[in-house]
Amino acid sequence: MGSLLQLAYQARRLMWRAVRPRTRDVKVMLFNDVGEVLLVRHSYGATHLFMLPGGGVRPWERLAAAAAREIGEELGCMIQDLRLISTHSTSAEGSATRSRCSKRR
C-alpha cells in the first residue's frame, strides 16, 4: 500500500508541474504550554521530513475553516475559533506556497 501511495503522489506531482494550477493552502502552528510546536511526518512525499500540519484550501472555504479541517484530518482532533495572524510565502516543500498562520481567538 505504501508504494502505491508513493506512486500516486509522484504522478500527481508530475501532473501539477505540467498544468501548474493556482492553489491555496494553509499551515497550522500548534503550541503546547511550554512553547513547543507540533510537527507531523506524512506517509507520502518527503516522509523523512517533519512539517507543520496543513493542506489545501477548497475554493469556497475560509482559511480558518480549512485549518480546522486539516487538523481534524491529520491529527484527529477538533479546533475552533481560529483567526489569521500572518501570511508567508515559501518554496521549501517543493512548490510555491503561501502559508497562513492562525491562532485561537
PDB file of N, CA and C in Angstrom:
ATOM      1  N   MET A   1       0.827  -1.197   0.000  1.00  0.00           N
ATOM      2  CA  MET A   1       0.000   0.000   0.000  1.00  0.00           C
ATOM      3  C   MET A   1       0.867   1.255   0.000  1.00  0.00           C
ATOM      4  N   GLY A   2       1.971   1.225   0.753  1.00  0.00           N
ATOM      5  CA  GLY A   2       2.848   2.386   0.821  1.00  0.00           C
ATOM      6  C   GLY A   2       3.463   2.742  -0.523  1.00  0.00           C
ATOM      7  N   SER A   3       3.886   1.732  -1.286  1.00  0.00           N
ATOM      8  CA  SER A   3       4.481   2.011  -2.593  1.00  0.00           C
ATOM      9  C   SER A   3       3.429   2.512  -3.587  1.00  0.00           C
ATOM     10  N   LEU A   4       2.199   2.047  -3.474  1.00  0.00           N
ATOM     11  CA  LEU A   4       1.116   2.528  -4.328  1.00  0.00           C
ATOM     12  C   LEU A   4       0.803   3.996  -4.009  1.00  0.00           C
ATOM     13  N   LEU A   5       0.807   4.337  -2.729  1.00  0.00           N
ATOM     14  CA  LEU A   5       0.581   5.724  -2.319  1.00  0.00           C
ATOM     15  C   LEU A   5       1.699   6.632  -2.825  1.00  0.00           C
ATOM     16  N   GLN A   6       2.940   6.185  -2.743  1.00  0.00           N
ATOM     17  CA  GLN A   6       4.080   6.964  -3.253  1.00  0.00           C
ATOM     18  C   GLN A   6       3.979   7.150  -4.761  1.00  0.00           C
ATOM     19  N   LEU A   7       3.578   6.102  -5.486  1.00  0.00           N
ATOM     20  CA  LEU A   7       3.429   6.184  -6.938  1.00  0.00           C
ATOM     21  C   LEU A   7       2.342   7.196  -7.307  1.00  0.00           C
ATOM     22  N   ALA A   8       1.213   7.146  -6.617  1.00  0.00           N
ATOM     23  CA  ALA A   8       0.128   8.102  -6.871  1.00  0.00           C
ATOM     24  C   ALA A   8       0.576   9.528  -6.554  1.00  0.00           C
ATOM     25  N   TYR A   9       1.323   9.685  -5.481  1.00  0.00           N
ATOM     26  CA  TYR A   9       1.824  11.010  -5.102  1.00  0.00           C
ATOM     27  C   TYR A   9       2.763  11.563  -6.180  1.00  0.00           C
ATOM     28  N   GLN A  10       3.662  10.742  -6.694  1.00  0.00           N
ATOM     29  CA  GLN A  10       4.597  11.178  -7.736  1.00  0.00           C
ATOM     30  C   GLN A  10       3.864  11.527  -9.028  1.00  0.00           C
ATOM     31  N   ALA A  11       2.852  10.738  -9.392  1.00  0.00           N
ATOM     32  CA  ALA A  11       2.057  11.030 -10.598  1.00  0.00           C
ATOM     33  C   ALA A  11       1.331  12.362 -10.446  1.00  0.00           C
ATOM     34  N   ARG A  12       0.798  12.616  -9.269  1.00  0.00           N
ATOM     35  CA  ARG A  12       0.109  13.894  -9.014  1.00  0.00           C
ATOM     36  C   ARG A  12       1.080  15.064  -9.119  1.00  0.00           C
ATOM     37  N   ARG A  13       2.276  14.914  -8.574  1.00  0.00           N
ATOM     38  CA  ARG A  13       3.283  15.984  -8.648  1.00  0.00           C
ATOM     39  C   ARG A  13       3.662  16.287 -10.088  1.00  0.00           C
ATOM     40  N   LEU A  14       3.830  15.252 -10.922  1.00  0.00           N
ATOM     41  CA  LEU A  14       4.166  15.456 -12.330  1.00  0.00           C
ATOM     42  C   LEU A  14       3.043  16.183 -13.058  1.00  0.00           C
ATOM     43  N   MET A  15       1.793  15.798 -12.786  1.00  0.00           N
ATOM     44  CA  MET A  15       0.650  16.452 -13.410  1.00  0.00           C
ATOM     45  C   MET A  15       0.601  17.922 -12.995  1.00  0.00           C
ATOM     46  N   TRP A  16       0.823  18.203 -11.720  1.00  0.00           N
ATOM     47  CA  TRP A  16       0.763  19.586 -11.233  1.00  0.00           C
ATOM     48  C   TRP A  16       1.890  20.423 -11.829  1.00  0.00           C
ATOM     49  N   ARG A  17       3.056  19.826 -12.042  1.00  0.00           N
ATOM     50  CA  ARG A  17       4.163  20.565 -12.678  1.00  0.00           C
ATOM     51  C   ARG A  17       3.815  20.937 -14.108  1.00  0.00           C
ATOM     52  N   ALA A  18       3.131  20.040 -14.801  1.00  0.00           N
ATOM     53  CA  ALA A  18       2.765  20.292 -16.193  1.00  0.00           C
ATOM     54  C   ALA A  18       1.647  21.323 -16.298  1.00  0.00           C
ATOM     55  N   VAL A  19       0.648  21.243 -15.435  1.00  0.00           N
ATOM     56  CA  VAL A  19      -0.520  22.102 -15.517  1.00  0.00           C
ATOM     57  C   VAL A  19      -0.347  23.408 -14.729  1.00  0.00           C
ATOM     58  N   ARG A  20       0.343  23.339 -13.611  1.00  0.00           N
ATOM     59  CA  ARG A  20       0.580  24.475 -12.706  1.00  0.00           C
ATOM     60  C   ARG A  20      -0.703  25.217 -12.323  1.00  0.00           C
ATOM     61  N   PRO A  21      -1.652  24.515 -11.692  1.00  0.00           N
ATOM     62  CA  PRO A  21      -2.876  25.196 -11.273  1.00  0.00           C
ATOM     63  C   PRO A  21      -2.609  26.120 -10.084  1.00  0.00           C
ATOM     64  N   ARG A  22      -3.421  27.161  -9.955  1.00  0.00           N
ATOM     65  CA  ARG A  22      -3.300  28.066  -8.810  1.00  0.00           C
ATOM     66  C   ARG A  22      -4.001  27.412  -7.625  1.00  0.00           C
ATOM     67  N   THR A  23      -3.317  27.351  -6.523  1.00  0.00           N
ATOM     68  CA  THR A  23      -3.894  26.736  -5.329  1.00  0.00           C
ATOM     69  C   THR A  23      -3.635  27.615  -4.118  1.00  0.00           C
ATOM     70  N   ARG A  24      -4.387  27.359  -3.069  1.00  0.00           N
ATOM     71  CA  ARG A  24      -4.149  27.982  -1.775  1.00  0.00           C
ATOM     72  C   ARG A  24      -3.967  26.871  -0.763  1.00  0.00           C
ATOM     73  N   ASP A  25      -3.143  27.112   0.211  1.00  0.00           N
ATOM     74  CA  ASP A  25      -3.006  26.131   1.279  1.00  0.00           C
ATOM     75  C   ASP A  25      -2.852  26.834   2.607  1.00  0.00           C
ATOM     76  N   VAL A  26      -2.928  26.049   3.640  1.00  0.00           N
ATOM     77  CA  VAL A  26      -2.843  26.574   4.993  1.00  0.00           C
ATOM     78  C   VAL A  26      -1.928  25.663   5.806  1.00  0.00           C
ATOM     79  N   LYS A  27      -1.130  26.258   6.657  1.00  0.00           N
ATOM     80  CA  LYS A  27      -0.299  25.544   7.617  1.00  0.00           C
ATOM     81  C   LYS A  27      -0.709  26.034   8.997  1.00  0.00           C
ATOM     82  N   VAL A  28      -0.693  25.145   9.969  1.00  0.00           N
ATOM     83  CA  VAL A  28      -1.152  25.486  11.306  1.00  0.00           C
ATOM     84  C   VAL A  28      -0.028  25.273  12.303  1.00  0.00           C
ATOM     85  N   MET A  29       0.211  26.282  13.122  1.00  0.00           N
ATOM     86  CA  MET A  29       1.209  26.172  14.189  1.00  0.00           C
ATOM     87  C   MET A  29       0.462  25.959  15.499  1.00  0.00           C
ATOM     88  N   LEU A  30       0.656  24.780  16.099  1.00  0.00           N
ATOM     89  CA  LEU A  30       0.036  24.445  17.379  1.00  0.00           C
ATOM     90  C   LEU A  30       1.137  24.355  18.430  1.00  0.00           C
ATOM     91  N   PHE A  31       0.967  25.072  19.530  1.00  0.00           N
ATOM     92  CA  PHE A  31       1.958  25.113  20.598  1.00  0.00           C
ATOM     93  C   PHE A  31       1.395  24.496  21.871  1.00  0.00           C
ATOM     94  N   ASN A  32       2.266  23.842  22.642  1.00  0.00           N
ATOM     95  CA  ASN A  32       1.852  23.366  23.958  1.00  0.00           C
ATOM     96  C   ASN A  32       2.153  24.449  25.007  1.00  0.00           C
ATOM     97  N   ASP A  33       1.943  24.132  26.263  1.00  0.00           N
ATOM     98  CA  ASP A  33       2.092  25.123  27.335  1.00  0.00           C
ATOM     99  C   ASP A  33       3.514  25.648  27.502  1.00  0.00           C
ATOM    100  N   VAL A  34       4.526  24.905  27.055  1.00  0.00           N
ATOM    101  CA  VAL A  34       5.918  25.354  27.208  1.00  0.00           C
ATOM    102  C   VAL A  34       6.487  25.924  25.908  1.00  0.00           C
ATOM    103  N   GLY A  35       5.623  26.115  24.909  1.00  0.00           N
ATOM    104  CA  GLY A  35       6.047  26.774  23.677  1.00  0.00           C
ATOM    105  C   GLY A  35       6.608  25.872  22.603  1.00  0.00           C
ATOM    106  N   GLU A  36       6.488  24.554  22.746  1.00  0.00           N
ATOM    107  CA  GLU A  36       6.955  23.637  21.710  1.00  0.00           C
ATOM    108  C   GLU A  36       5.904  23.555  20.607  1.00  0.00           C
ATOM    109  N   VAL A  37       6.370  23.508  19.356  1.00  0.00           N
ATOM    110  CA  VAL A  37       5.451  23.459  18.211  1.00  0.00           C
ATOM    111  C   VAL A  37       5.265  22.012  17.759  1.00  0.00           C
ATOM    112  N   LEU A  38       4.042  21.697  17.351  1.00  0.00           N
ATOM    113  CA  LEU A  38       3.720  20.360  16.866  1.00  0.00           C
ATOM    114  C   LEU A  38       4.122  20.237  15.403  1.00  0.00           C
ATOM    115  N   LEU A  39       4.853  19.169  15.067  1.00  0.00           N
ATOM    116  CA  LEU A  39       5.223  18.861  13.689  1.00  0.00           C
ATOM    117  C   LEU A  39       4.729  17.461  13.356  1.00  0.00           C
ATOM    118  N   VAL A  40       4.473  17.206  12.077  1.00  0.00           N
ATOM    119  CA  VAL A  40       3.990  15.894  11.636  1.00  0.00           C
ATOM    120  C   VAL A  40       4.892  15.361  10.531  1.00  0.00           C
ATOM    121  N   ARG A  41       4.859  14.041  10.354  1.00  0.00           N
ATOM    122  CA  ARG A  41       5.511  13.402   9.214  1.00  0.00           C
ATOM    123  C   ARG A  41       4.438  12.744   8.376  1.00  0.00           C
ATOM    124  N   HIS A  42       4.444  13.029   7.083  1.00  0.00           N
ATOM    125  CA  HIS A  42       3.436  12.468   6.196  1.00  0.00           C
ATOM    126  C   HIS A  42       3.862  11.087   5.717  1.00  0.00           C
ATOM    127  N   SER A  43       2.882  10.303   5.281  1.00  0.00           N
ATOM    128  CA  SER A  43       3.164   8.964   4.757  1.00  0.00           C
ATOM    129  C   SER A  43       3.394   8.998   3.253  1.00  0.00           C
ATOM    130  N   TYR A  44       3.482  10.196   2.669  1.00  0.00           N
ATOM    131  CA  TYR A  44       3.715  10.365   1.238  1.00  0.00           C
ATOM    132  C   TYR A  44       4.744  11.473   1.053  1.00  0.00           C
ATOM    133  N   GLY A  45       5.337  11.563  -0.134  1.00  0.00           N
ATOM    134  CA  GLY A  45       6.301  12.630  -0.406  1.00  0.00           C
ATOM    135  C   GLY A  45       7.574  12.459   0.400  1.00  0.00           C
ATOM    136  N   ALA A  46       8.029  13.544   0.996  1.00  0.00           N
ATOM    137  CA  ALA A  46       9.274  13.552   1.775  1.00  0.00           C
ATOM    138  C   ALA A  46       8.981  13.018   3.183  1.00  0.00           C
ATOM    139  N   THR A  47       8.890  11.708   3.313  1.00  0.00           N
ATOM    140  CA  THR A  47       8.491  11.094   4.582  1.00  0.00           C
ATOM    141  C   THR A  47       9.536  11.243   5.675  1.00  0.00           C
ATOM    142  N   HIS A  48      10.732  11.652   5.329  1.00  0.00           N
ATOM    143  CA  HIS A  48      11.783  11.814   6.329  1.00  0.00           C
ATOM    144  C   HIS A  48      11.746  13.204   6.987  1.00  0.00           C
ATOM    145  N   LEU A  49      10.914  14.109   6.470  1.00  0.00           N
ATOM    146  CA  LEU A  49      10.855  15.473   6.993  1.00  0.00           C
ATOM    147  C   LEU A  49       9.697  15.658   7.965  1.00  0.00           C
ATOM    148  N   PHE A  50       9.928  16.460   8.990  1.00  0.00           N
ATOM    149  CA  PHE A  50       8.860  16.889   9.878  1.00  0.00           C
ATOM    150  C   PHE A  50       8.354  18.228   9.371  1.00  0.00           C
ATOM    151  N   MET A  51       7.026  18.408   9.296  1.00  0.00           N
ATOM    152  CA  MET A  51       6.434  19.621   8.734  1.00  0.00           C
ATOM    153  C   MET A  51       5.284  20.092   9.612  1.00  0.00           C
ATOM    154  N   LEU A  52       4.868  21.328   9.371  1.00  0.00           N
ATOM    155  CA  LEU A  52       3.666  21.827  10.033  1.00  0.00           C
ATOM    156  C   LEU A  52       2.448  21.125   9.444  1.00  0.00           C
ATOM    157  N   PRO A  53       1.451  20.787  10.273  1.00  0.00           N
ATOM    158  CA  PRO A  53       0.237  20.201   9.719  1.00  0.00           C
ATOM    159  C   PRO A  53      -0.508  21.216   8.862  1.00  0.00           C
ATOM    160  N   GLY A  54      -1.161  20.746   7.834  1.00  0.00           N
ATOM    161  CA  GLY A  54      -1.918  21.631   6.954  1.00  0.00           C
ATOM    162  C   GLY A  54      -2.162  20.984   5.625  1.00  0.00           C
ATOM    163  N   GLY A  55      -2.745  21.750   4.710  1.00  0.00           N
ATOM    164  CA  GLY A  55      -3.038  21.220   3.396  1.00  0.00           C
ATOM    165  C   GLY A  55      -3.801  22.223   2.560  1.00  0.00           C
ATOM    166  N   GLY A  56      -4.448  21.746   1.535  1.00  0.00           N
ATOM    167  CA  GLY A  56      -5.123  22.598   0.577  1.00  0.00           C
ATOM    168  C   GLY A  56      -6.397  23.231   1.104  1.00  0.00           C
ATOM    169  N   VAL A  57      -6.683  24.407   0.559  1.00  0.00           N
ATOM    170  CA  VAL A  57      -7.914  25.135   0.878  1.00  0.00           C
ATOM    171  C   VAL A  57      -8.854  24.967  -0.308  1.00  0.00           C
ATOM    172  N   ARG A  58     -10.057  24.528  -0.047  1.00  0.00           N
ATOM    173  CA  ARG A  58     -11.040  24.364  -1.113  1.00  0.00           C
ATOM    174  C   ARG A  58     -11.479  25.727  -1.626  1.00  0.00           C
ATOM    175  N   PRO A  59     -11.934  25.813  -2.871  1.00  0.00           N
ATOM    176  CA  PRO A  59     -12.257  27.120  -3.467  1.00  0.00           C
ATOM    177  C   PRO A  59     -13.248  27.961  -2.661  1.00  0.00           C
ATOM    178  N   TRP A  60     -14.204  27.365  -2.028  1.00  0.00           N
ATOM    179  CA  TRP A  60     -15.239  28.099  -1.288  1.00  0.00           C
ATOM    180  C   TRP A  60     -14.925  28.234   0.200  1.00  0.00           C
ATOM    181  N   GLU A  61     -13.818  27.670   0.655  1.00  0.00           N
ATOM    182  CA  GLU A  61     -13.531  27.528   2.077  1.00  0.00           C
ATOM    183  C   GLU A  61     -12.777  28.724   2.657  1.00  0.00           C
ATOM    184  N   ARG A  62     -13.162  29.130   3.846  1.00  0.00           N
ATOM    185  CA  ARG A  62     -12.404  30.165   4.560  1.00  0.00           C
ATOM    186  C   ARG A  62     -11.128  29.530   5.121  1.00  0.00           C
ATOM    187  N   LEU A  63     -10.103  30.356   5.307  1.00  0.00           N
ATOM    188  CA  LEU A  63      -8.817  29.839   5.772  1.00  0.00           C
ATOM    189  C   LEU A  63      -8.919  29.182   7.146  1.00  0.00           C
ATOM    190  N   ALA A  64      -9.626  29.811   8.069  1.00  0.00           N
ATOM    191  CA  ALA A  64      -9.758  29.242   9.415  1.00  0.00           C
ATOM    192  C   ALA A  64     -10.482  27.900   9.374  1.00  0.00           C
ATOM    193  N   ALA A  65     -11.495  27.782   8.514  1.00  0.00           N
ATOM    194  CA  ALA A  65     -12.212  26.511   8.385  1.00  0.00           C
ATOM    195  C   ALA A  65     -11.298  25.442   7.784  1.00  0.00           C
ATOM    196  N   ALA A  66     -10.478  25.823   6.816  1.00  0.00           N
ATOM    197  CA  ALA A  66      -9.534  24.871   6.214  1.00  0.00           C
ATOM    198  C   ALA A  66      -8.510  24.408   7.248  1.00  0.00           C
ATOM    199  N   ALA A  67      -8.018  25.336   8.065  1.00  0.00           N
ATOM    200  CA  ALA A  67      -7.044  24.980   9.105  1.00  0.00           C
ATOM    201  C   ALA A  67      -7.662  23.993  10.093  1.00  0.00           C
ATOM    202  N   ALA A  68      -8.889  24.266  10.536  1.00  0.00           N
ATOM    203  CA  ALA A  68      -9.564  23.367  11.473  1.00  0.00           C
ATOM    204  C   ALA A  68      -9.805  22.003  10.832  1.00  0.00           C
ATOM    205  N   ARG A  69     -10.212  21.977   9.564  1.00  0.00           N
ATOM    206  CA  ARG A  69     -10.447  20.706   8.862  1.00  0.00           C
ATOM    207  C   ARG A  69      -9.163  19.901   8.736  1.00  0.00           C
ATOM    208  N   GLU A  70      -8.073  20.568   8.367  1.00  0.00           N
ATOM    209  CA  GLU A  70      -6.791  19.868   8.217  1.00  0.00           C
ATOM    210  C   GLU A  70      -6.305  19.278   9.542  1.00  0.00           C
ATOM    211  N   ILE A  71      -6.482  20.006  10.637  1.00  0.00           N
ATOM    212  CA  ILE A  71      -6.104  19.472  11.954  1.00  0.00           C
ATOM    213  C   ILE A  71      -6.943  18.238  12.262  1.00  0.00           C
ATOM    214  N   GLY A  72      -8.233  18.301  11.952  1.00  0.00           N
ATOM    215  CA  GLY A  72      -9.092  17.133  12.159  1.00  0.00           C
ATOM    216  C   GLY A  72      -8.662  15.939  11.327  1.00  0.00           C
ATOM    217  N   GLU A  73      -8.303  16.187  10.066  1.00  0.00           N
ATOM    218  CA  GLU A  73      -7.886  15.104   9.172  1.00  0.00           C
ATOM    219  C   GLU A  73      -6.547  14.505   9.579  1.00  0.00           C
ATOM    220  N   GLU A  74      -5.585  15.366   9.915  1.00  0.00           N
ATOM    221  CA  GLU A  74      -4.230  14.881  10.167  1.00  0.00           C
ATOM    222  C   GLU A  74      -3.995  14.431  11.605  1.00  0.00           C
ATOM    223  N   LEU A  75      -4.696  15.046  12.558  1.00  0.00           N
ATOM    224  CA  LEU A  75      -4.429  14.747  13.966  1.00  0.00           C
ATOM    225  C   LEU A  75      -5.602  14.108  14.690  1.00  0.00           C
ATOM    226  N   GLY A  76      -6.791  14.140  14.066  1.00  0.00           N
ATOM    227  CA  GLY A  76      -7.944  13.516  14.689  1.00  0.00           C
ATOM    228  C   GLY A  76      -8.531  14.296  15.851  1.00  0.00           C
ATOM    229  N   CYS A  77      -8.280  15.590  15.921  1.00  0.00           N
ATOM    230  CA  CYS A  77      -8.868  16.419  16.978  1.00  0.00           C
ATOM    231  C   CYS A  77      -9.484  17.656  16.352  1.00  0.00           C
ATOM    232  N   MET A  78     -10.391  18.278  17.076  1.00  0.00           N
ATOM    233  CA  MET A  78     -11.104  19.430  16.545  1.00  0.00           C
ATOM    234  C   MET A  78     -10.591  20.722  17.188  1.00  0.00           C
ATOM    235  N   ILE A  79     -10.461  21.765  16.368  1.00  0.00           N
ATOM    236  CA  ILE A  79     -10.061  23.092  16.828  1.00  0.00           C
ATOM    237  C   ILE A  79     -11.070  24.076  16.273  1.00  0.00           C
ATOM    238  N   GLN A  80     -11.442  25.058  17.075  1.00  0.00           N
ATOM    239  CA  GLN A  80     -12.400  26.067  16.639  1.00  0.00           C
ATOM    240  C   GLN A  80     -11.856  27.444  16.957  1.00  0.00           C
ATOM    241  N   ASP A  81     -12.536  28.457  16.459  1.00  0.00           N
ATOM    242  CA  ASP A  81     -12.218  29.858  16.759  1.00  0.00           C
ATOM    243  C   ASP A  81     -10.787  30.228  16.389  1.00  0.00           C
ATOM    244  N   LEU A  82     -10.395  29.923  15.155  1.00  0.00           N
ATOM    245  CA  LEU A  82      -9.087  30.314  14.652  1.00  0.00           C
ATOM    246  C   LEU A  82      -9.196  31.642  13.923  1.00  0.00           C
ATOM    247  N   ARG A  83      -8.096  32.386  13.888  1.00  0.00           N
ATOM    248  CA  ARG A  83      -8.069  33.617  13.104  1.00  0.00           C
ATOM    249  C   ARG A  83      -6.696  33.769  12.482  1.00  0.00           C
ATOM    250  N   LEU A  84      -6.662  34.450  11.363  1.00  0.00           N
ATOM    251  CA  LEU A  84      -5.418  34.684  10.638  1.00  0.00           C
ATOM    252  C   LEU A  84      -4.529  35.643  11.414  1.00  0.00           C
ATOM    253  N   ILE A  85      -3.245  35.277  11.579  1.00  0.00           N
ATOM    254  CA  ILE A  85      -2.311  36.202  12.215  1.00  0.00           C
ATOM    255  C   ILE A  85      -1.184  36.617  11.287  1.00  0.00           C
ATOM    256  N   SER A  86      -0.893  35.816  10.247  1.00  0.00           N
ATOM    257  CA  SER A  86       0.137  36.226   9.295  1.00  0.00           C
ATOM    258  C   SER A  86       0.082  35.360   8.041  1.00  0.00           C
ATOM    259  N   THR A  87       0.718  35.854   6.983  1.00  0.00           N
ATOM    260  CA  THR A  87       0.813  35.143   5.712  1.00  0.00           C
ATOM    261  C   THR A  87       2.274  35.104   5.304  1.00  0.00           C
ATOM    262  N   HIS A  88       2.748  33.947   4.861  1.00  0.00           N
ATOM    263  CA  HIS A  88       4.151  33.766   4.474  1.00  0.00           C
ATOM    264  C   HIS A  88       4.234  33.028   3.150  1.00  0.00           C
ATOM    265  N   SER A  89       5.255  33.301   2.367  1.00  0.00           N
ATOM    266  CA  SER A  89       5.495  32.583   1.120  1.00  0.00           C
ATOM    267  C   SER A  89       6.764  31.761   1.250  1.00  0.00           C
ATOM    268  N   THR A  90       6.742  30.547   0.697  1.00  0.00           N
ATOM    269  CA  THR A  90       7.907  29.671   0.754  1.00  0.00           C
ATOM    270  C   THR A  90       7.866  28.679  -0.402  1.00  0.00           C
ATOM    271  N   SER A  91       9.002  28.132  -0.741  1.00  0.00           N
ATOM    272  CA  SER A  91       9.048  27.015  -1.678  1.00  0.00           C
ATOM    273  C   SER A  91       9.798  25.849  -1.042  1.00  0.00           C
ATOM    274  N   ALA A  92       9.854  25.822   0.268  1.00  0.00           N
ATOM    275  CA  ALA A  92      10.631  24.819   0.993  1.00  0.00           C
ATOM    276  C   ALA A  92      10.113  23.406   0.808  1.00  0.00           C
ATOM    277  N   GLU A  93       8.829  23.233   0.541  1.00  0.00           N
ATOM    278  CA  GLU A  93       8.275  21.894   0.401  1.00  0.00           C
ATOM    279  C   GLU A  93       8.146  21.468  -1.053  1.00  0.00           C
ATOM    280  N   GLY A  94       8.860  22.151  -1.954  1.00  0.00           N
ATOM    281  CA  GLY A  94       8.885  21.733  -3.342  1.00  0.00           C
ATOM    282  C   GLY A  94       7.928  22.457  -4.253  1.00  0.00           C
ATOM    283  N   SER A  95       7.112  23.356  -3.719  1.00  0.00           N
ATOM    284  CA  SER A  95       6.205  24.136  -4.556  1.00  0.00           C
ATOM    285  C   SER A  95       6.073  25.530  -3.959  1.00  0.00           C
ATOM    286  N   ALA A  96       5.700  26.479  -4.776  1.00  0.00           N
ATOM    287  CA  ALA A  96       5.492  27.835  -4.275  1.00  0.00           C
ATOM    288  C   ALA A  96       4.269  27.829  -3.371  1.00  0.00           C
ATOM    289  N   THR A  97       4.470  28.170  -2.123  1.00  0.00           N
ATOM    290  CA  THR A  97       3.423  28.067  -1.125  1.00  0.00           C
ATOM    291  C   THR A  97       3.270  29.374  -0.375  1.00  0.00           C
ATOM    292  N   ARG A  98       2.037  29.799  -0.204  1.00  0.00           N
ATOM    293  CA  ARG A  98       1.718  30.917   0.683  1.00  0.00           C
ATOM    294  C   ARG A  98       1.031  30.325   1.887  1.00  0.00           C
ATOM    295  N   SER A  99       1.673  30.353   3.026  1.00  0.00           N
ATOM    296  CA  SER A  99       1.116  29.759   4.232  1.00  0.00           C
ATOM    297  C   SER A  99       0.425  30.808   5.072  1.00  0.00           C
ATOM    298  N   ARG A 100      -0.688  30.434   5.631  1.00  0.00           N
ATOM    299  CA  ARG A 100      -1.425  31.306   6.518  1.00  0.00           C
ATOM    300  C   ARG A 100      -1.367  30.733   7.918  1.00  0.00           C
ATOM    301  N   CYS A 101      -0.978  31.537   8.880  1.00  0.00           N
ATOM    302  CA  CYS A 101      -0.867  31.094  10.266  1.00  0.00           C
ATOM    303  C   CYS A 101      -2.049  31.640  11.049  1.00  0.00           C
ATOM    304  N   SER A 102      -2.657  30.788  11.830  1.00  0.00           N
ATOM    305  CA  SER A 102      -3.819  31.182  12.592  1.00  0.00           C
ATOM    306  C   SER A 102      -3.627  30.814  14.054  1.00  0.00           C
ATOM    307  N   LYS A 103      -4.386  31.488  14.913  1.00  0.00           N
ATOM    308  CA  LYS A 103      -4.407  31.106  16.320  1.00  0.00           C
ATOM    309  C   LYS A 103      -5.825  31.242  16.828  1.00  0.00           C
ATOM    310  N   ARG A 104      -6.064  30.675  18.008  1.00  0.00           N
ATOM    311  CA  ARG A 104      -7.391  30.762  18.592  1.00  0.00           C
ATOM    312  C   ARG A 104      -7.696  32.180  18.991  1.00  0.00           C
ATOM    313  N   ARG A 105      -8.947  32.551  18.938  1.00  0.00           N
ATOM    314  CA  ARG A 105      -9.372  33.895  19.352  1.00  0.00           C
ATOM    315  C   ARG A 105      -9.344  34.060  20.836  1.00  0.00           C
TER     316      ARG A 105
END
